[in-house]
């Protein structure tokens, strides 16, 4: 009787913890055409919803062609399967980006929730000051801002915080933010930065905290989006031409 010996080449058992060779990459899925549909809300700088939301231009980065919203704020765009950056803009309003929108295709895809644009704040700031206070039995810092004029409507200011004197609204420059409300007809507005808030963004006792304050729309979440590079928020709803700064050693 003869015995046949079959040699199997290239089949070695991987060492413990090792991974075998990767398999072949499968083909890409089909590219399907479809329609993207969404709605945009417009707000004035005091947070009031505008009755007419027409004229917001919708563009796709890297593609030609622009669509605009109807009076009710609706827009549609014809797309094929892919990931897109959606840009929204209207004169007099802060712009908005949707950085990574995944479009499946094959029908109508709806954007969940309404996208929001707002008029940037138009008022100016005269000064910003800071002082140590006690909040709930613990030391904190109070920041007080003074607008250049009063207003019969309530307004807001956003403070960008950092341990660097070069702090501004640029995402790479700040480590945290605090909002300050200015009541109607008030000459100043104040807000507290507690130890817990400061510590959560790396500002500790004995560290100099730098503050850059800017007027911001009352609808402070509109015309904002996440910056992919830094993970911070881009604020297109502020008055970038008016800021007031202060600094203090955190207690």
Protein backbone atom coordinates (compact mmCIF):
# COMPACT_ATOMS: atom_id res chain seq x y z
CA UNK A 1 0.00 0.00 0.00
CA UNK A 2 1.33 3.44 -0.89
CA UNK A 3 0.63 6.56 1.15
CA UNK A 4 0.10 9.89 -0.62
CA UNK A 5 1.68 12.87 1.12
CA UNK A 6 0.14 16.27 0.33
CA UNK A 7 2.31 19.32 1.10
CA UNK A 8 0.34 22.43 2.10
CA UNK A 9 2.50 25.50 1.61
CA UNK A 10 2.12 28.83 3.35
CA UNK A 11 -0.27 27.62 6.07
CA UNK A 12 1.51 28.40 9.30
CA UNK A 13 -0.32 28.67 12.56
CA UNK A 14 -0.08 32.24 13.87
CA UNK A 15 1.76 32.72 17.10
CA UNK A 16 -0.34 33.31 20.18
CA UNK A 17 -1.88 36.78 19.96
CA UNK A 18 -0.92 37.18 16.29
CA UNK A 19 -3.41 38.03 13.59
CA UNK A 20 -3.68 36.17 10.32
CA UNK A 21 -3.39 37.89 6.95
CA UNK A 22 -6.18 40.28 6.05
CA UNK A 23 -8.75 39.08 3.58
CA UNK A 24 -9.59 40.76 0.34
CA UNK A 25 -11.53 44.02 0.50
CA UNK A 26 -15.06 43.67 -0.76
CA UNK A 27 -16.54 45.91 -3.43
CA UNK A 28 -18.05 49.28 -2.51
CA UNK A 29 -21.79 49.43 -2.09
CA UNK A 30 -23.92 50.91 -4.84
CA UNK A 31 -24.15 54.68 -5.31
CA UNK A 32 -27.81 55.65 -5.03
CA UNK A 33 -29.42 58.94 -5.99
CA UNK A 34 -31.90 60.63 -3.70
CA UNK A 35 -33.05 63.85 -2.10
CA UNK A 36 -31.89 65.52 1.11
CA UNK A 37 -34.59 67.57 2.82
CA UNK A 38 -34.25 69.88 5.80
CA UNK A 39 -35.55 73.00 7.50
CA UNK A 40 -33.83 76.17 8.72
CA UNK A 41 -35.02 78.54 11.46
CA UNK A 42 -33.86 82.16 11.57
CA UNK A 43 -33.55 84.24 14.75
CA UNK A 44 -32.81 87.90 15.37
CA UNK A 45 -30.05 88.86 17.81
CA UNK A 46 -32.55 88.97 20.70
CA UNK A 47 -33.66 85.37 20.17
CA UNK A 48 -36.98 86.04 18.42
CA UNK A 49 -37.96 83.58 15.66
CA UNK A 50 -38.26 85.27 12.28
CA UNK A 51 -41.53 84.70 10.42
CA UNK A 52 -39.84 84.35 7.02
CA UNK A 53 -36.91 81.96 6.66
CA UNK A 54 -36.39 82.26 2.91
CA UNK A 55 -33.11 83.07 1.20
CA UNK A 56 -30.75 80.83 3.16
CA UNK A 57 -28.27 79.48 0.62
CA UNK A 58 -27.36 75.80 0.89
CA UNK A 59 -24.17 74.60 -0.77
CA UNK A 60 -22.14 71.41 -0.70
CA UNK A 61 -18.38 71.83 -0.25
CA UNK A 62 -16.54 70.85 -3.43
CA UNK A 63 -19.68 70.80 -5.58
CA UNK A 64 -21.19 73.43 -7.83
CA UNK A 65 -24.75 74.64 -7.51
CA UNK A 66 -26.63 76.40 -4.72
CA UNK A 67 -30.16 75.93 -3.42
CA UNK A 68 -32.08 78.22 -1.11
CA UNK A 69 -34.82 77.90 1.50
CA UNK A 70 -38.49 78.69 1.00
CA UNK A 71 -40.39 81.13 3.22
CA UNK A 72 -41.08 78.23 5.57
CA UNK A 73 -37.38 77.44 5.76
CA UNK A 74 -37.49 74.20 3.75
CA UNK A 75 -34.76 73.16 1.34
CA UNK A 76 -34.04 70.14 -0.83
CA UNK A 77 -30.87 68.97 -2.52
CA UNK A 78 -30.35 66.14 -5.02
CA UNK A 79 -27.42 63.96 -3.95
CA UNK A 80 -25.93 60.53 -4.41
CA UNK A 81 -24.55 58.21 -1.71
CA UNK A 82 -21.63 59.81 0.14
CA UNK A 83 -20.43 62.00 3.03
CA UNK A 84 -20.81 65.74 2.54
CA UNK A 85 -20.14 69.09 4.23
CA UNK A 86 -23.25 71.22 4.15
CA UNK A 87 -22.76 75.02 4.25
CA UNK A 88 -25.58 77.44 5.10
CA UNK A 89 -25.35 81.21 4.69
CA UNK A 90 -27.57 84.28 4.53
CA UNK A 91 -26.55 87.93 4.53
CA UNK A 92 -26.88 89.41 8.01
CA UNK A 93 -26.76 86.03 9.76
CA UNK A 94 -23.96 83.89 11.12
CA UNK A 95 -23.08 81.01 8.80
CA UNK A 96 -23.39 77.33 9.70
CA UNK A 97 -21.70 74.09 8.68
CA UNK A 98 -22.79 70.47 8.97
CA UNK A 99 -19.28 68.97 8.69
CA UNK A 100 -19.96 65.26 8.05
CA UNK A 101 -23.41 64.45 6.72
CA UNK A 102 -23.79 60.82 5.64
CA UNK A 103 -26.25 60.50 2.78
CA UNK A 104 -27.48 56.97 2.03
CA UNK A 105 -29.53 57.69 -1.08
CA UNK A 106 -32.28 55.67 -2.69
CA UNK A 107 -35.06 58.01 -1.57
CA UNK A 108 -35.68 61.11 0.55
CA UNK A 109 -33.49 61.53 3.64
CA UNK A 110 -34.56 64.07 6.26
CA UNK A 111 -32.27 66.07 8.56
CA UNK A 112 -33.47 65.52 12.13
CA UNK A 113 -34.45 68.77 13.80
CA UNK A 114 -34.28 72.28 12.35
CA UNK A 115 -30.95 73.88 11.52
CA UNK A 116 -30.62 77.35 13.05
CA UNK A 117 -29.06 80.62 11.97
CA UNK A 118 -29.08 83.82 14.01
CA UNK A 119 -28.14 87.43 13.58
CA UNK A 120 -24.85 88.03 15.45
CA UNK A 121 -25.00 90.39 18.41
CA UNK A 122 -24.44 93.97 17.29
CA UNK A 123 -23.71 95.75 20.58
CA UNK A 124 -20.27 96.52 21.98
CA UNK A 125 -18.54 96.01 25.32
CA UNK A 126 -16.72 98.70 27.25
CA UNK A 127 -15.05 96.71 30.02
CA UNK A 128 -14.74 93.33 31.69
CA UNK A 129 -13.58 92.92 35.28
CA UNK A 130 -13.04 89.93 37.55
CA UNK A 131 -13.06 89.46 41.33
CA UNK A 132 -12.93 86.64 43.88
CA UNK A 133 -16.28 85.76 45.45
CA UNK A 134 -17.74 82.98 47.59
CA UNK A 135 -20.38 80.70 46.07
CA UNK A 136 -21.92 77.99 48.22
CA UNK A 137 -19.12 78.30 50.75
CA UNK A 138 -16.38 77.85 48.12
CA UNK A 139 -14.16 80.37 46.37
CA UNK A 140 -15.09 81.34 42.83
CA UNK A 141 -14.46 84.12 40.33
CA UNK A 142 -17.13 86.60 39.28
CA UNK A 143 -16.79 88.25 35.87
CA UNK A 144 -18.67 91.51 35.28
CA UNK A 145 -19.14 92.98 31.79
CA UNK A 146 -20.25 96.49 30.89
CA UNK A 147 -21.91 97.11 27.50
CA UNK A 148 -21.31 100.45 25.82
CA UNK A 149 -25.03 101.24 26.02
CA UNK A 150 -28.21 99.92 27.62
CA UNK A 151 -31.01 98.13 25.78
CA UNK A 152 -34.69 97.59 26.49
CA UNK A 153 -34.20 93.88 25.70
CA UNK A 154 -32.12 91.26 27.47
CA UNK A 155 -28.76 90.36 25.91
CA UNK A 156 -25.92 87.87 26.39
CA UNK A 157 -22.13 87.84 26.53
CA UNK A 158 -19.88 84.80 26.13
CA UNK A 159 -16.58 84.58 28.00
CA UNK A 160 -13.79 82.47 26.51
CA UNK A 161 -11.44 81.12 29.18
CA UNK A 162 -7.82 80.04 29.01
CA UNK A 163 -4.51 79.96 30.89
CA UNK A 164 -3.00 81.88 27.95
CA UNK A 165 -3.22 85.63 27.39
CA UNK A 166 -3.86 85.03 23.68
CA UNK A 167 -7.35 83.66 24.36
CA UNK A 168 -10.07 84.60 21.85
CA UNK A 169 -13.08 83.05 20.16
CA UNK A 170 -10.78 80.93 17.95
CA UNK A 171 -11.39 77.26 18.86
CA UNK A 172 -7.69 76.53 19.30
CA UNK A 173 -7.24 79.35 21.81
CA UNK A 174 -9.80 78.66 24.54
CA UNK A 175 -10.38 75.79 26.97
CA UNK A 176 -13.91 76.63 28.12
CA UNK A 177 -16.72 79.17 27.99
CA UNK A 178 -19.17 80.84 30.37
CA UNK A 179 -22.31 82.77 29.41
CA UNK A 180 -23.34 86.02 31.11
CA UNK A 181 -26.86 87.42 30.95
CA UNK A 182 -27.41 91.18 30.73
CA UNK A 183 -30.98 91.94 31.86
CA UNK A 184 -33.13 94.44 30.00
CA UNK A 185 -32.16 98.07 30.78
CA UNK A 186 -29.20 96.90 32.91
CA UNK A 187 -25.85 98.65 32.75
CA UNK A 188 -23.85 95.50 33.63
CA UNK A 189 -24.08 91.73 33.71
CA UNK A 190 -22.23 89.24 35.91
CA UNK A 191 -21.52 85.52 35.96
CA UNK A 192 -19.64 83.20 38.30
CA UNK A 193 -16.97 80.65 37.44
CA UNK A 194 -16.89 78.04 40.18
CA UNK A 195 -13.90 75.96 41.20
CA UNK A 196 -15.55 72.84 39.77
CA UNK A 197 -16.02 74.46 36.37
CA UNK A 198 -12.49 75.89 36.35
CA UNK A 199 -10.89 72.59 37.38
CA UNK A 200 -12.80 70.68 34.70
CA UNK A 201 -11.06 72.75 32.01
CA UNK A 202 -7.59 72.72 33.58
CA UNK A 203 -7.68 76.00 35.48
CA UNK A 204 -6.51 75.26 39.01
CA UNK A 205 -5.85 77.22 42.20
CA UNK A 206 -2.94 79.63 41.72
CA UNK A 207 -3.26 79.59 37.92
CA UNK A 208 -3.86 82.87 36.10
CA UNK A 209 -7.16 82.68 34.24
CA UNK A 210 -7.53 84.90 31.17
CA UNK A 211 -10.99 85.92 29.99
CA UNK A 212 -12.01 87.33 26.60
CA UNK A 213 -15.66 88.47 26.55
CA UNK A 214 -17.69 88.99 23.37
CA UNK A 215 -21.32 89.97 22.73
CA UNK A 216 -23.32 86.96 21.52
CA UNK A 217 -26.81 86.38 20.16
CA UNK A 218 -29.45 85.46 22.72
CA UNK A 219 -29.98 82.31 20.62
CA UNK A 220 -26.44 81.33 21.55
CA UNK A 221 -26.74 77.80 20.13
CA UNK A 222 -27.65 78.98 16.62
CA UNK A 223 -24.94 79.56 13.98
CA UNK A 224 -22.55 77.31 15.89
CA UNK A 225 -20.96 74.01 14.95
CA UNK A 226 -18.22 71.66 16.10
CA UNK A 227 -14.71 72.17 14.77
CA UNK A 228 -13.40 68.73 13.76
CA UNK A 229 -9.73 69.66 14.24
CA UNK A 230 -10.06 70.82 17.87
CA UNK A 231 -13.33 69.36 19.11
CA UNK A 232 -14.33 72.89 20.20
CA UNK A 233 -17.28 75.00 19.06
CA UNK A 234 -17.13 77.62 16.31
CA UNK A 235 -19.27 80.63 17.25
CA UNK A 236 -20.52 82.59 14.25
CA UNK A 237 -23.11 84.39 16.39
CA UNK A 238 -20.80 86.82 18.22
CA UNK A 239 -19.68 90.36 17.50
CA UNK A 240 -16.01 89.60 16.75
CA UNK A 241 -15.14 93.30 16.50
CA UNK A 242 -15.87 94.05 20.14
CA UNK A 243 -14.24 92.28 23.07
CA UNK A 244 -13.22 93.09 26.61
CA UNK A 245 -10.54 91.21 28.52
CA UNK A 246 -9.64 90.56 32.13
CA UNK A 247 -7.46 88.15 34.10
CA UNK A 248 -7.18 86.93 37.66
CA UNK A 249 -5.26 84.35 39.68
CA UNK A 250 -7.83 81.67 40.39
CA UNK A 251 -8.35 81.33 44.16
